């Protein structure tokens, strides 16, 4: 299956909503640190969970440029297409 940014973003939102501490009104444009109140450890744990789910590895240098859920989705789609 070829993932799209929209489908990966939806999966990320679904995964996030499984956590009761995450606001219920998140979407692709939600900022991971500001809107979700994730600290750096929470971001790393969350990204590792998504990496395991989608069988992809997000390099740390790419992670530094990710601000929103859609940014993360676009990065994952790009990495999967490159592999």
N, C-alpha and C. Protein backbone atom coordinates (compact mmCIF):
# COMPACT_ATOMS: atom_id res chain seq x y z
N UNK A 1 0.84 -1.18 0.00
CA UNK A 1 0.00 0.00 0.00
C UNK A 1 0.88 1.24 0.00
N UNK A 2 0.53 2.17 -0.82
CA UNK A 2 1.26 3.42 -0.90
C UNK A 2 0.61 4.44 0.02
N UNK A 3 1.36 4.87 1.03
CA UNK A 3 0.80 5.82 1.97
C UNK A 3 0.84 7.24 1.42
N UNK A 4 -0.17 8.01 1.73
CA UNK A 4 -0.20 9.43 1.39
C UNK A 4 0.01 10.22 2.67
N UNK A 5 0.32 11.50 2.51
CA UNK A 5 0.49 12.35 3.69
C UNK A 5 -0.81 12.35 4.50
N UNK A 6 -1.95 12.42 3.81
CA UNK A 6 -3.23 12.45 4.52
C UNK A 6 -3.48 11.16 5.31
N UNK A 7 -3.15 10.01 4.71
CA UNK A 7 -3.41 8.74 5.41
C UNK A 7 -2.46 8.56 6.59
N UNK A 8 -1.20 8.97 6.42
CA UNK A 8 -0.23 8.86 7.52
C UNK A 8 -0.61 9.85 8.63
N UNK A 9 -1.01 11.05 8.24
CA UNK A 9 -1.44 12.04 9.22
C UNK A 9 -2.64 11.52 10.02
N UNK A 10 -3.59 10.89 9.34
CA UNK A 10 -4.77 10.34 10.02
C UNK A 10 -4.36 9.24 11.00
N UNK A 11 -3.40 8.41 10.60
CA UNK A 11 -2.91 7.35 11.49
C UNK A 11 -2.23 7.96 12.72
N UNK A 12 -1.46 9.01 12.51
CA UNK A 12 -0.77 9.68 13.62
C UNK A 12 -1.80 10.26 14.59
N UNK A 13 -2.82 10.94 14.05
CA UNK A 13 -3.86 11.52 14.91
C UNK A 13 -4.57 10.41 15.68
N UNK A 14 -4.90 9.31 15.00
CA UNK A 14 -5.58 8.19 15.68
C UNK A 14 -4.71 7.64 16.81
N UNK A 15 -3.42 7.50 16.55
CA UNK A 15 -2.49 7.01 17.57
C UNK A 15 -2.43 7.98 18.75
N UNK A 16 -2.36 9.26 18.45
CA UNK A 16 -2.31 10.27 19.51
C UNK A 16 -3.58 10.26 20.36
N UNK A 17 -4.72 10.10 19.71
CA UNK A 17 -5.99 10.14 20.43
C UNK A 17 -6.18 8.95 21.36
N UNK A 18 -5.36 7.92 21.20
CA UNK A 18 -5.40 6.78 22.12
C UNK A 18 -4.87 7.18 23.50
N UNK A 19 -4.14 8.30 23.55
CA UNK A 19 -3.60 8.80 24.81
C UNK A 19 -4.62 9.79 25.41
N UNK A 20 -5.16 9.49 26.58
CA UNK A 20 -6.19 10.37 27.16
C UNK A 20 -5.69 11.77 27.51
N UNK A 21 -4.38 11.97 27.59
CA UNK A 21 -3.84 13.29 27.93
C UNK A 21 -3.76 14.22 26.72
N UNK A 22 -3.94 13.67 25.53
CA UNK A 22 -3.85 14.47 24.31
C UNK A 22 -5.19 15.16 24.07
N UNK A 23 -5.16 16.46 23.71
CA UNK A 23 -6.42 17.17 23.41
C UNK A 23 -7.21 16.46 22.32
N UNK A 24 -8.52 16.50 22.41
CA UNK A 24 -9.38 15.80 21.46
C UNK A 24 -9.53 16.52 20.13
N UNK A 25 -9.15 17.78 20.05
CA UNK A 25 -9.38 18.58 18.85
C UNK A 25 -8.15 18.72 17.97
N UNK A 26 -7.30 17.70 17.95
CA UNK A 26 -6.09 17.78 17.14
C UNK A 26 -6.37 17.42 15.68
N UNK A 27 -5.51 17.91 14.81
CA UNK A 27 -5.59 17.58 13.38
C UNK A 27 -4.19 17.70 12.80
N UNK A 28 -4.08 17.58 11.50
CA UNK A 28 -2.78 17.58 10.85
C UNK A 28 -1.97 18.84 11.07
N UNK A 29 -2.64 19.96 11.28
CA UNK A 29 -1.91 21.21 11.46
C UNK A 29 -1.57 21.48 12.93
N UNK A 30 -1.94 20.57 13.82
CA UNK A 30 -1.60 20.73 15.24
C UNK A 30 -0.09 20.66 15.42
N UNK A 31 0.42 21.57 16.23
CA UNK A 31 1.86 21.60 16.52
C UNK A 31 2.16 20.60 17.63
N UNK A 32 3.15 19.76 17.37
CA UNK A 32 3.44 18.65 18.28
C UNK A 32 3.86 19.14 19.66
N UNK A 33 4.73 20.12 19.73
CA UNK A 33 5.21 20.59 21.03
C UNK A 33 4.21 21.55 21.66
N UNK A 34 3.79 22.57 20.92
CA UNK A 34 2.93 23.60 21.49
C UNK A 34 1.51 23.11 21.78
N UNK A 35 0.84 22.53 20.78
CA UNK A 35 -0.56 22.14 20.94
C UNK A 35 -0.74 20.87 21.77
N UNK A 36 0.21 19.96 21.67
CA UNK A 36 0.08 18.69 22.40
C UNK A 36 0.80 18.72 23.74
N UNK A 37 1.57 19.79 23.97
CA UNK A 37 2.33 19.95 25.22
C UNK A 37 3.30 18.79 25.44
N UNK A 38 3.92 18.32 24.35
CA UNK A 38 4.91 17.25 24.45
C UNK A 38 6.28 17.86 24.74
N UNK A 39 6.99 17.27 25.69
CA UNK A 39 8.39 17.66 25.88
C UNK A 39 9.24 16.79 24.96
N UNK A 40 10.55 17.01 24.97
CA UNK A 40 11.41 16.30 24.02
C UNK A 40 11.37 14.78 24.21
N UNK A 41 11.26 14.32 25.43
CA UNK A 41 11.18 12.87 25.68
C UNK A 41 9.87 12.30 25.13
N UNK A 42 8.78 13.01 25.36
CA UNK A 42 7.48 12.55 24.85
C UNK A 42 7.49 12.51 23.33
N UNK A 43 8.13 13.51 22.69
CA UNK A 43 8.22 13.52 21.23
C UNK A 43 8.99 12.30 20.74
N UNK A 44 10.12 12.02 21.37
CA UNK A 44 10.94 10.88 20.95
C UNK A 44 10.17 9.56 21.13
N UNK A 45 9.50 9.39 22.25
CA UNK A 45 8.73 8.17 22.49
C UNK A 45 7.61 8.03 21.47
N UNK A 46 6.94 9.13 21.18
CA UNK A 46 5.85 9.11 20.21
C UNK A 46 6.37 8.77 18.82
N UNK A 47 7.46 9.41 18.41
CA UNK A 47 8.02 9.14 17.08
C UNK A 47 8.47 7.68 16.98
N UNK A 48 9.05 7.13 18.04
CA UNK A 48 9.44 5.72 18.02
C UNK A 48 8.23 4.82 17.84
N UNK A 49 7.13 5.16 18.47
CA UNK A 49 5.90 4.37 18.31
C UNK A 49 5.41 4.41 16.86
N UNK A 50 5.43 5.59 16.26
CA UNK A 50 5.00 5.74 14.87
C UNK A 50 5.98 5.00 13.94
N UNK A 51 7.28 5.11 14.22
CA UNK A 51 8.28 4.40 13.42
C UNK A 51 8.01 2.90 13.44
N UNK A 52 7.72 2.36 14.61
CA UNK A 52 7.44 0.92 14.73
C UNK A 52 6.18 0.54 13.97
N UNK A 53 5.17 1.37 14.08
CA UNK A 53 3.89 1.10 13.41
C UNK A 53 4.05 1.10 11.89
N UNK A 54 4.83 2.06 11.37
CA UNK A 54 4.95 2.22 9.92
C UNK A 54 6.23 1.63 9.34
N UNK A 55 7.03 0.99 10.18
CA UNK A 55 8.27 0.37 9.74
C UNK A 55 9.16 1.34 8.97
N UNK A 56 9.47 2.45 9.62
CA UNK A 56 10.32 3.48 9.04
C UNK A 56 11.16 4.08 10.16
N UNK A 57 12.30 4.67 9.82
CA UNK A 57 13.16 5.32 10.79
C UNK A 57 13.34 6.78 10.40
N UNK A 58 12.98 7.68 11.30
CA UNK A 58 13.11 9.11 11.04
C UNK A 58 14.45 9.56 11.63
N UNK A 59 15.39 10.00 10.76
CA UNK A 59 16.69 10.47 11.27
C UNK A 59 16.52 11.69 12.17
N UNK A 60 17.37 11.81 13.18
CA UNK A 60 17.28 12.92 14.11
C UNK A 60 17.40 14.27 13.42
N UNK A 61 18.21 14.37 12.37
CA UNK A 61 18.35 15.66 11.69
C UNK A 61 17.05 16.06 10.99
N UNK A 62 16.27 15.09 10.53
CA UNK A 62 14.96 15.39 9.92
C UNK A 62 13.94 15.74 11.00
N UNK A 63 14.07 15.11 12.14
CA UNK A 63 13.14 15.35 13.24
C UNK A 63 13.19 16.80 13.72
N UNK A 64 14.35 17.40 13.63
CA UNK A 64 14.51 18.79 14.07
C UNK A 64 13.66 19.76 13.27
N UNK A 65 13.31 19.42 12.04
CA UNK A 65 12.52 20.31 11.18
C UNK A 65 11.02 20.07 11.28
N UNK A 66 10.60 19.12 12.07
CA UNK A 66 9.18 18.75 12.15
C UNK A 66 8.51 19.56 13.25
N UNK A 67 7.44 20.27 12.87
CA UNK A 67 6.69 21.07 13.83
C UNK A 67 5.26 20.56 14.02
N UNK A 68 4.64 20.13 12.93
CA UNK A 68 3.23 19.73 13.00
C UNK A 68 3.08 18.23 12.69
N UNK A 69 1.89 17.74 12.92
CA UNK A 69 1.58 16.34 12.60
C UNK A 69 1.74 16.11 11.10
N UNK A 70 1.27 17.06 10.27
CA UNK A 70 1.43 16.92 8.82
C UNK A 70 2.90 16.93 8.41
N UNK A 71 3.74 17.72 9.11
CA UNK A 71 5.18 17.71 8.82
C UNK A 71 5.75 16.31 9.04
N UNK A 72 5.37 15.70 10.15
CA UNK A 72 5.84 14.35 10.45
C UNK A 72 5.33 13.37 9.41
N UNK A 73 4.08 13.49 9.02
CA UNK A 73 3.50 12.61 8.01
C UNK A 73 4.23 12.76 6.68
N UNK A 74 4.50 14.00 6.27
CA UNK A 74 5.21 14.24 5.00
C UNK A 74 6.62 13.66 5.05
N UNK A 75 7.28 13.80 6.18
CA UNK A 75 8.62 13.23 6.34
C UNK A 75 8.58 11.72 6.21
N UNK A 76 7.64 11.09 6.85
CA UNK A 76 7.53 9.62 6.81
C UNK A 76 7.23 9.14 5.39
N UNK A 77 6.31 9.81 4.71
CA UNK A 77 5.99 9.43 3.32
C UNK A 77 7.22 9.57 2.45
N UNK A 78 7.95 10.67 2.61
CA UNK A 78 9.17 10.89 1.83
C UNK A 78 10.21 9.80 2.09
N UNK A 79 10.40 9.43 3.35
CA UNK A 79 11.36 8.38 3.69
C UNK A 79 10.94 7.02 3.14
N UNK A 80 9.65 6.73 3.20
CA UNK A 80 9.18 5.43 2.69
C UNK A 80 9.30 5.37 1.18
N UNK A 81 9.08 6.48 0.48
CA UNK A 81 9.19 6.49 -0.97
C UNK A 81 10.65 6.37 -1.40
N UNK A 82 11.56 6.87 -0.58
CA UNK A 82 12.98 6.82 -0.91
C UNK A 82 13.58 5.42 -0.69
N UNK A 83 12.90 4.62 0.13
CA UNK A 83 13.46 3.29 0.42
C UNK A 83 12.98 2.23 -0.52
